[in-house]
Amino acid sequence: MTKERKSLGESLLEKGIIDKKQLSQAQKESEKRNITLRRALLNLGFVKEEDIISFFEKELTIPRINLNNYIIDPQLFSLITEEFAKKNNIIPLFKTKETLIVAVSDPLNIIAFDDLKEKTRCVIDPVIATESEINRIINQNYDSKSQIEDVV
């Protein structure tokens, strides 16, 4: 028997995190602004970023990581372009020979994982972090690279 995968909206509704009216409004906002349902729910204030992260962690059993005191090898940022990192809200955390551990705010973004797997030739192993934490790391690391290049 195969378990049917529910959409994020259906799952949040089922868990009582949002109601039907909020889901409907967020779906309309998502289509109107061409953004993800997740982003629409956040923009409309129906959920907090931590609510979504906790939901993903529990439902998908993907570990959550706090990036506030996490030190990342700067060389890893050469594996992911700044444009890709910003577009997909994804950063590299750790690499072994065949596995790249990445922090993401949206673990449902399978297309990004597939693209990254193809580019890096690594198995992609995601952990969940907040969008704001990932954005801070992106800005610190990619902006500092361009500032160094400007000086040189």
N, C-alpha and C. Protein backbone atom coordinates (compact mmCIF):
# COMPACT_ATOMS: atom_id res chain seq x y z
N MET A 1 0.84 -1.19 0.00
CA MET A 1 0.00 0.00 0.00
C MET A 1 0.89 1.25 0.00
N THR A 2 0.66 2.14 -0.93
CA THR A 2 1.46 3.35 -1.06
C THR A 2 0.82 4.49 -0.28
N LYS A 3 1.67 5.22 0.44
CA LYS A 3 1.17 6.37 1.19
C LYS A 3 1.10 7.58 0.25
N GLU A 4 -0.07 8.18 0.15
CA GLU A 4 -0.26 9.32 -0.72
C GLU A 4 0.33 10.56 -0.05
N ARG A 5 1.12 11.29 -0.82
CA ARG A 5 1.76 12.49 -0.28
C ARG A 5 0.79 13.67 -0.40
N LYS A 6 0.57 14.34 0.70
CA LYS A 6 -0.33 15.49 0.72
C LYS A 6 0.46 16.76 0.43
N SER A 7 -0.25 17.76 -0.07
CA SER A 7 0.39 19.05 -0.31
C SER A 7 0.65 19.73 1.03
N LEU A 8 1.50 20.73 1.01
CA LEU A 8 1.80 21.48 2.23
C LEU A 8 0.52 22.08 2.80
N GLY A 9 -0.29 22.68 1.94
CA GLY A 9 -1.52 23.31 2.40
C GLY A 9 -2.48 22.32 3.04
N GLU A 10 -2.67 21.16 2.40
CA GLU A 10 -3.55 20.13 2.95
C GLU A 10 -3.03 19.63 4.30
N SER A 11 -1.72 19.46 4.38
CA SER A 11 -1.12 18.96 5.62
C SER A 11 -1.26 19.97 6.76
N LEU A 12 -1.03 21.25 6.47
CA LEU A 12 -1.17 22.29 7.50
C LEU A 12 -2.62 22.40 7.95
N LEU A 13 -3.54 22.25 7.00
CA LEU A 13 -4.97 22.29 7.31
C LEU A 13 -5.34 21.11 8.20
N GLU A 14 -4.88 19.94 7.84
CA GLU A 14 -5.18 18.73 8.61
C GLU A 14 -4.65 18.81 10.04
N LYS A 15 -3.50 19.44 10.22
CA LYS A 15 -2.88 19.57 11.54
C LYS A 15 -3.46 20.73 12.35
N GLY A 16 -4.37 21.51 11.72
CA GLY A 16 -5.00 22.62 12.43
C GLY A 16 -4.11 23.85 12.55
N ILE A 17 -3.06 23.92 11.75
CA ILE A 17 -2.16 25.07 11.79
C ILE A 17 -2.79 26.26 11.06
N ILE A 18 -3.54 25.95 10.00
CA ILE A 18 -4.30 26.98 9.28
C ILE A 18 -5.72 26.45 9.08
N ASP A 19 -6.64 27.37 8.74
CA ASP A 19 -8.00 26.94 8.45
C ASP A 19 -8.26 27.02 6.94
N LYS A 20 -9.45 26.57 6.52
CA LYS A 20 -9.78 26.51 5.09
C LYS A 20 -9.74 27.88 4.43
N LYS A 21 -10.25 28.88 5.14
CA LYS A 21 -10.29 30.23 4.60
C LYS A 21 -8.86 30.76 4.38
N GLN A 22 -7.99 30.51 5.34
CA GLN A 22 -6.60 30.94 5.20
C GLN A 22 -5.91 30.22 4.05
N LEU A 23 -6.17 28.93 3.91
CA LEU A 23 -5.58 28.16 2.81
C LEU A 23 -6.04 28.72 1.47
N SER A 24 -7.32 28.96 1.36
CA SER A 24 -7.87 29.50 0.11
C SER A 24 -7.25 30.87 -0.22
N GLN A 25 -7.17 31.73 0.78
CA GLN A 25 -6.60 33.06 0.57
C GLN A 25 -5.12 32.96 0.19
N ALA A 26 -4.39 32.08 0.83
CA ALA A 26 -2.96 31.91 0.55
C ALA A 26 -2.75 31.34 -0.86
N GLN A 27 -3.63 30.41 -1.28
CA GLN A 27 -3.52 29.85 -2.62
C GLN A 27 -3.74 30.93 -3.68
N LYS A 28 -4.71 31.81 -3.44
CA LYS A 28 -4.97 32.91 -4.37
C LYS A 28 -3.76 33.87 -4.41
N GLU A 29 -3.22 34.17 -3.25
CA GLU A 29 -2.05 35.05 -3.16
C GLU A 29 -0.85 34.41 -3.87
N SER A 30 -0.69 33.13 -3.70
CA SER A 30 0.41 32.39 -4.33
C SER A 30 0.33 32.49 -5.86
N GLU A 31 -0.86 32.27 -6.39
CA GLU A 31 -1.06 32.34 -7.84
C GLU A 31 -0.91 33.77 -8.35
N LYS A 32 -1.48 34.71 -7.64
CA LYS A 32 -1.46 36.12 -8.04
C LYS A 32 -0.04 36.67 -8.12
N ARG A 33 0.77 36.34 -7.11
CA ARG A 33 2.13 36.89 -7.02
C ARG A 33 3.22 35.94 -7.54
N ASN A 34 2.79 34.75 -8.00
CA ASN A 34 3.73 33.75 -8.50
C ASN A 34 4.80 33.41 -7.45
N ILE A 35 4.32 33.10 -6.24
CA ILE A 35 5.19 32.71 -5.14
C ILE A 35 4.70 31.37 -4.61
N THR A 36 5.53 30.74 -3.80
CA THR A 36 5.12 29.45 -3.24
C THR A 36 4.00 29.66 -2.22
N LEU A 37 3.25 28.60 -1.98
CA LEU A 37 2.21 28.65 -0.96
C LEU A 37 2.84 28.96 0.39
N ARG A 38 3.99 28.38 0.66
CA ARG A 38 4.71 28.62 1.91
C ARG A 38 4.98 30.11 2.10
N ARG A 39 5.50 30.76 1.04
CA ARG A 39 5.81 32.19 1.09
C ARG A 39 4.53 33.00 1.28
N ALA A 40 3.45 32.61 0.61
CA ALA A 40 2.17 33.33 0.73
C ALA A 40 1.64 33.23 2.15
N LEU A 41 1.71 32.04 2.75
CA LEU A 41 1.26 31.86 4.13
C LEU A 41 2.05 32.75 5.09
N LEU A 42 3.35 32.83 4.86
CA LEU A 42 4.21 33.67 5.70
C LEU A 42 3.89 35.15 5.48
N ASN A 43 3.79 35.57 4.22
CA ASN A 43 3.52 36.97 3.90
C ASN A 43 2.19 37.45 4.48
N LEU A 44 1.20 36.56 4.46
CA LEU A 44 -0.12 36.92 4.98
C LEU A 44 -0.19 36.85 6.50
N GLY A 45 0.86 36.34 7.12
CA GLY A 45 0.91 36.26 8.58
C GLY A 45 0.09 35.10 9.16
N PHE A 46 -0.28 34.13 8.33
CA PHE A 46 -1.06 33.00 8.82
C PHE A 46 -0.21 32.01 9.61
N VAL A 47 1.08 31.97 9.33
CA VAL A 47 2.03 31.12 10.04
C VAL A 47 3.32 31.90 10.26
N LYS A 48 4.09 31.44 11.22
CA LYS A 48 5.42 32.01 11.45
C LYS A 48 6.44 31.07 10.84
N GLU A 49 7.60 31.61 10.56
CA GLU A 49 8.67 30.80 9.96
C GLU A 49 8.98 29.58 10.83
N GLU A 50 9.02 29.76 12.13
CA GLU A 50 9.32 28.64 13.04
C GLU A 50 8.23 27.57 12.99
N ASP A 51 6.97 27.98 12.77
CA ASP A 51 5.87 27.00 12.65
C ASP A 51 6.10 26.09 11.45
N ILE A 52 6.49 26.67 10.34
CA ILE A 52 6.73 25.90 9.12
C ILE A 52 7.94 24.98 9.31
N ILE A 53 9.00 25.51 9.90
CA ILE A 53 10.21 24.70 10.13
C ILE A 53 9.88 23.52 11.05
N SER A 54 9.18 23.79 12.13
CA SER A 54 8.81 22.71 13.06
C SER A 54 7.93 21.68 12.37
N PHE A 55 7.00 22.14 11.55
CA PHE A 55 6.13 21.24 10.81
C PHE A 55 6.95 20.33 9.90
N PHE A 56 7.86 20.93 9.11
CA PHE A 56 8.71 20.14 8.22
C PHE A 56 9.55 19.14 9.00
N GLU A 57 10.10 19.59 10.11
CA GLU A 57 10.96 18.72 10.92
C GLU A 57 10.18 17.50 11.41
N LYS A 58 8.98 17.73 11.92
CA LYS A 58 8.18 16.62 12.46
C LYS A 58 7.62 15.72 11.35
N GLU A 59 7.06 16.33 10.32
CA GLU A 59 6.38 15.55 9.29
C GLU A 59 7.34 14.86 8.33
N LEU A 60 8.45 15.49 8.02
CA LEU A 60 9.38 14.91 7.05
C LEU A 60 10.59 14.26 7.72
N THR A 61 10.64 14.37 9.03
CA THR A 61 11.77 13.85 9.82
C THR A 61 13.13 14.29 9.26
N ILE A 62 13.19 15.55 8.89
CA ILE A 62 14.46 16.16 8.46
C ILE A 62 14.93 17.02 9.62
N PRO A 63 16.18 16.84 10.06
CA PRO A 63 16.64 17.59 11.22
C PRO A 63 16.67 19.10 10.98
N ARG A 64 16.40 19.83 12.04
CA ARG A 64 16.47 21.29 12.04
C ARG A 64 17.82 21.69 12.59
N ILE A 65 18.42 22.71 11.99
CA ILE A 65 19.71 23.19 12.46
C ILE A 65 19.63 24.68 12.74
N ASN A 66 20.27 25.11 13.81
CA ASN A 66 20.36 26.53 14.13
C ASN A 66 21.70 27.01 13.59
N LEU A 67 21.65 27.93 12.64
CA LEU A 67 22.87 28.39 11.98
C LEU A 67 23.55 29.56 12.69
N ASN A 68 22.97 30.02 13.78
CA ASN A 68 23.52 31.21 14.43
C ASN A 68 24.97 31.07 14.88
N ASN A 69 25.37 29.90 15.32
CA ASN A 69 26.76 29.71 15.75
C ASN A 69 27.47 28.64 14.95
N TYR A 70 27.01 28.40 13.74
CA TYR A 70 27.56 27.35 12.91
C TYR A 70 28.68 27.92 12.03
N ILE A 71 29.82 27.28 12.03
CA ILE A 71 30.95 27.72 11.21
C ILE A 71 31.02 26.85 9.97
N ILE A 72 31.03 27.51 8.81
CA ILE A 72 31.04 26.80 7.53
C ILE A 72 32.37 27.06 6.83
N ASP A 73 32.96 26.02 6.29
CA ASP A 73 34.19 26.15 5.51
C ASP A 73 33.89 27.06 4.31
N PRO A 74 34.56 28.20 4.20
CA PRO A 74 34.29 29.15 3.10
C PRO A 74 34.46 28.54 1.71
N GLN A 75 35.29 27.52 1.59
CA GLN A 75 35.50 26.90 0.27
C GLN A 75 34.25 26.21 -0.25
N LEU A 76 33.36 25.82 0.65
CA LEU A 76 32.12 25.15 0.23
C LEU A 76 31.23 26.06 -0.61
N PHE A 77 31.36 27.37 -0.42
CA PHE A 77 30.49 28.29 -1.15
C PHE A 77 30.80 28.32 -2.64
N SER A 78 31.96 27.76 -3.02
CA SER A 78 32.28 27.68 -4.45
C SER A 78 31.45 26.58 -5.13
N LEU A 79 30.83 25.71 -4.36
CA LEU A 79 30.02 24.62 -4.92
C LEU A 79 28.64 25.10 -5.38
N ILE A 80 28.19 26.20 -4.80
CA ILE A 80 26.85 26.73 -5.10
C ILE A 80 27.00 28.21 -5.46
N THR A 81 26.49 28.59 -6.62
CA THR A 81 26.58 29.99 -7.01
C THR A 81 25.70 30.85 -6.10
N GLU A 82 26.04 32.10 -6.01
CA GLU A 82 25.24 33.01 -5.20
C GLU A 82 23.80 33.08 -5.72
N GLU A 83 23.66 33.13 -7.03
CA GLU A 83 22.33 33.19 -7.64
C GLU A 83 21.49 31.97 -7.26
N PHE A 84 22.09 30.77 -7.34
CA PHE A 84 21.38 29.54 -7.00
C PHE A 84 21.02 29.53 -5.52
N ALA A 85 21.98 29.95 -4.68
CA ALA A 85 21.75 29.97 -3.23
C ALA A 85 20.58 30.90 -2.87
N LYS A 86 20.56 32.08 -3.47
CA LYS A 86 19.50 33.04 -3.18
C LYS A 86 18.15 32.59 -3.74
N LYS A 87 18.17 32.09 -4.96
CA LYS A 87 16.92 31.66 -5.60
C LYS A 87 16.27 30.51 -4.84
N ASN A 88 17.08 29.58 -4.35
CA ASN A 88 16.54 28.38 -3.70
C ASN A 88 16.66 28.39 -2.19
N ASN A 89 17.22 29.47 -1.63
CA ASN A 89 17.42 29.59 -0.18
C ASN A 89 18.09 28.32 0.35
N ILE A 90 19.30 28.10 -0.16
CA ILE A 90 20.04 26.89 0.15
C ILE A 90 21.53 27.22 0.31
N ILE A 91 22.16 26.64 1.32
CA ILE A 91 23.60 26.85 1.51
C ILE A 91 24.28 25.52 1.84
N PRO A 92 25.55 25.40 1.44
CA PRO A 92 26.30 24.19 1.78
C PRO A 92 26.77 24.27 3.23
N LEU A 93 26.74 23.13 3.92
CA LEU A 93 27.20 23.10 5.31
C LEU A 93 28.43 22.23 5.51
N PHE A 94 28.41 21.07 4.85
CA PHE A 94 29.47 20.09 5.08
C PHE A 94 29.54 19.16 3.88
N LYS A 95 30.74 18.75 3.53
CA LYS A 95 30.89 17.85 2.39
C LYS A 95 31.83 16.72 2.74
N THR A 96 31.38 15.51 2.40
CA THR A 96 32.26 14.35 2.44
C THR A 96 32.54 14.02 0.97
N LYS A 97 33.19 12.93 0.75
CA LYS A 97 33.54 12.58 -0.63
C LYS A 97 32.33 12.56 -1.56
N GLU A 98 31.24 11.94 -1.12
CA GLU A 98 30.08 11.77 -2.00
C GLU A 98 28.80 12.45 -1.52
N THR A 99 28.82 13.08 -0.38
CA THR A 99 27.61 13.68 0.19
C THR A 99 27.83 15.16 0.49
N LEU A 100 26.84 15.97 0.12
CA LEU A 100 26.84 17.39 0.45
C LEU A 100 25.63 17.65 1.34
N ILE A 101 25.91 18.09 2.56
CA ILE A 101 24.84 18.45 3.48
C ILE A 101 24.53 19.92 3.26
N VAL A 102 23.27 20.22 3.02
CA VAL A 102 22.85 21.59 2.76
C VAL A 102 21.76 22.01 3.73
N ALA A 103 21.73 23.28 4.05
CA ALA A 103 20.64 23.85 4.84
C ALA A 103 19.66 24.50 3.88
N VAL A 104 18.38 24.20 4.07
CA VAL A 104 17.32 24.74 3.22
C VAL A 104 16.16 25.20 4.10
N SER A 105 15.40 26.14 3.58
CA SER A 105 14.19 26.52 4.31
C SER A 105 12.97 25.80 3.73
N ASP A 106 13.12 25.26 2.52
CA ASP A 106 12.03 24.54 1.89
C ASP A 106 12.50 23.16 1.44
N PRO A 107 12.34 22.16 2.30
CA PRO A 107 12.80 20.82 1.95
C PRO A 107 11.95 20.13 0.89
N LEU A 108 10.92 20.80 0.41
CA LEU A 108 10.09 20.24 -0.65
C LEU A 108 10.58 20.66 -2.05
N ASN A 109 11.62 21.46 -2.09
CA ASN A 109 12.16 21.97 -3.35
C ASN A 109 13.06 20.91 -4.00
N ILE A 110 12.44 19.86 -4.48
CA ILE A 110 13.15 18.72 -5.05
C ILE A 110 13.94 19.12 -6.30
N ILE A 111 13.42 20.05 -7.06
CA ILE A 111 14.11 20.50 -8.28
C ILE A 111 15.48 21.08 -7.94
N ALA A 112 15.54 21.87 -6.86
CA ALA A 112 16.83 22.43 -6.44
C ALA A 112 17.81 21.33 -6.04
N PHE A 113 17.31 20.32 -5.34
CA PHE A 113 18.17 19.20 -4.93
C PHE A 113 18.70 18.45 -6.15
N ASP A 114 17.82 18.23 -7.12
CA ASP A 114 18.23 17.53 -8.34
C ASP A 114 19.28 18.34 -9.11
N ASP A 115 19.06 19.65 -9.24
CA ASP A 115 20.03 20.51 -9.93
C ASP A 115 21.38 20.49 -9.22
N LEU A 116 21.32 20.58 -7.90
CA LEU A 116 22.55 20.60 -7.10
C LEU A 116 23.28 19.25 -7.19
N LYS A 117 22.53 18.18 -7.19
CA LYS A 117 23.13 16.84 -7.32
C LYS A 117 23.86 16.74 -8.66
N GLU A 118 23.22 17.24 -9.70
CA GLU A 118 23.83 17.20 -11.03
C GLU A 118 25.10 18.06 -11.09
N LYS A 119 25.06 19.23 -10.50
CA LYS A 119 26.21 20.15 -10.54
C LYS A 119 27.38 19.67 -9.69
N THR A 120 27.08 19.10 -8.54
CA THR A 120 28.14 18.73 -7.60
C THR A 120 28.55 17.26 -7.68
N ARG A 121 27.71 16.45 -8.34
CA ARG A 121 27.93 14.99 -8.40
C ARG A 121 27.96 14.38 -6.99
N CYS A 122 27.18 14.98 -6.08
CA CYS A 122 27.09 14.50 -4.70
C CYS A 122 25.66 14.11 -4.38
N VAL A 123 25.51 13.24 -3.40
CA VAL A 123 24.20 12.97 -2.83
C VAL A 123 23.88 14.18 -1.97
N ILE A 124 22.68 14.71 -2.11
CA ILE A 124 22.29 15.90 -1.35
C ILE A 124 21.51 15.46 -0.12
N ASP A 125 22.00 15.89 1.04
CA ASP A 125 21.39 15.53 2.33
C ASP A 125 20.95 16.84 3.00
N PRO A 126 19.64 17.13 2.98
CA PRO A 126 19.18 18.41 3.52
C PRO A 126 18.92 18.40 5.03
N VAL A 127 19.14 19.57 5.63
CA VAL A 127 18.67 19.87 6.97
C VAL A 127 17.87 21.17 6.85
N ILE A 128 17.02 21.43 7.82
CA ILE A 128 16.13 22.59 7.73
C ILE A 128 16.65 23.73 8.61
N ALA A 129 16.60 24.93 8.06
CA ALA A 129 16.93 26.15 8.79
C ALA A 129 15.95 27.24 8.36
N THR A 130 15.88 28.29 9.13
CA THR A 130 14.96 29.37 8.77
C THR A 130 15.52 30.15 7.58
N GLU A 131 14.61 30.72 6.83
CA GLU A 131 14.98 31.53 5.68
C GLU A 131 15.87 32.69 6.10
N SER A 132 15.56 33.31 7.23
CA SER A 132 16.36 34.46 7.68
C SER A 132 17.79 34.04 8.03
N GLU A 133 17.96 32.87 8.65
CA GLU A 133 19.31 32.38 8.97
C GLU A 133 20.09 32.11 7.70
N ILE A 134 19.46 31.46 6.74
CA ILE A 134 20.13 31.14 5.48
C ILE A 134 20.48 32.42 4.73
N ASN A 135 19.57 33.36 4.68
CA ASN A 135 19.85 34.64 4.00
C ASN A 135 21.03 35.36 4.64
N ARG A 136 21.10 35.31 5.96
CA ARG A 136 22.23 35.95 6.66
C ARG A 136 23.55 35.31 6.24
N ILE A 137 23.60 34.00 6.19
CA ILE A 137 24.82 33.28 5.79
C ILE A 137 25.17 33.59 4.34
N ILE A 138 24.17 33.62 3.47
CA ILE A 138 24.40 33.95 2.06
C ILE A 138 25.01 35.34 1.95
N ASN A 139 24.40 36.31 2.63
CA ASN A 139 24.90 37.69 2.56
C ASN A 139 26.31 37.83 3.13
N GLN A 140 26.58 37.14 4.21
CA GLN A 140 27.91 37.21 4.82
C GLN A 140 28.97 36.59 3.93
N ASN A 141 28.67 35.47 3.33
CA ASN A 141 29.69 34.74 2.60
C ASN A 141 29.84 35.15 1.15
N TYR A 142 28.77 35.33 0.44
CA TYR A 142 28.91 35.72 -0.95
C TYR A 142 29.26 37.19 -1.08
N ASP A 143 28.68 38.04 -0.26
CA ASP A 143 29.01 39.46 -0.32
C ASP A 143 30.45 39.70 0.08
N SER A 144 30.94 38.95 1.06
CA SER A 144 32.33 39.15 1.49
C SER A 144 33.28 38.69 0.39
N LYS A 145 32.91 37.67 -0.38
CA LYS A 145 33.75 37.24 -1.50
C LYS A 145 33.88 38.35 -2.53
N SER A 146 32.75 38.97 -2.87
CA SER A 146 32.80 40.02 -3.89
C SER A 146 33.54 41.24 -3.37
N GLN A 147 33.44 41.51 -2.07
CA GLN A 147 34.17 42.63 -1.49
C GLN A 147 35.68 42.36 -1.54
N ILE A 148 36.10 41.14 -1.29
CA ILE A 148 37.50 40.79 -1.36
C ILE A 148 38.00 40.89 -2.80
N GLU A 149 37.19 40.41 -3.75
CA GLU A 149 37.58 40.49 -5.15
C GLU A 149 37.69 41.95 -5.60
N ASP A 150 36.82 42.81 -5.06
CA ASP A 150 36.89 44.24 -5.42
C ASP A 150 38.19 44.86 -4.93
N VAL A 151 38.66 44.45 -3.77
CA VAL A 151 39.89 44.99 -3.21
C VAL A 151 41.09 44.53 -4.02
N VAL A 152 41.09 43.26 -4.41
CA VAL A 152 42.20 42.68 -5.17
C VAL A 152 42.12 43.20 -6.59
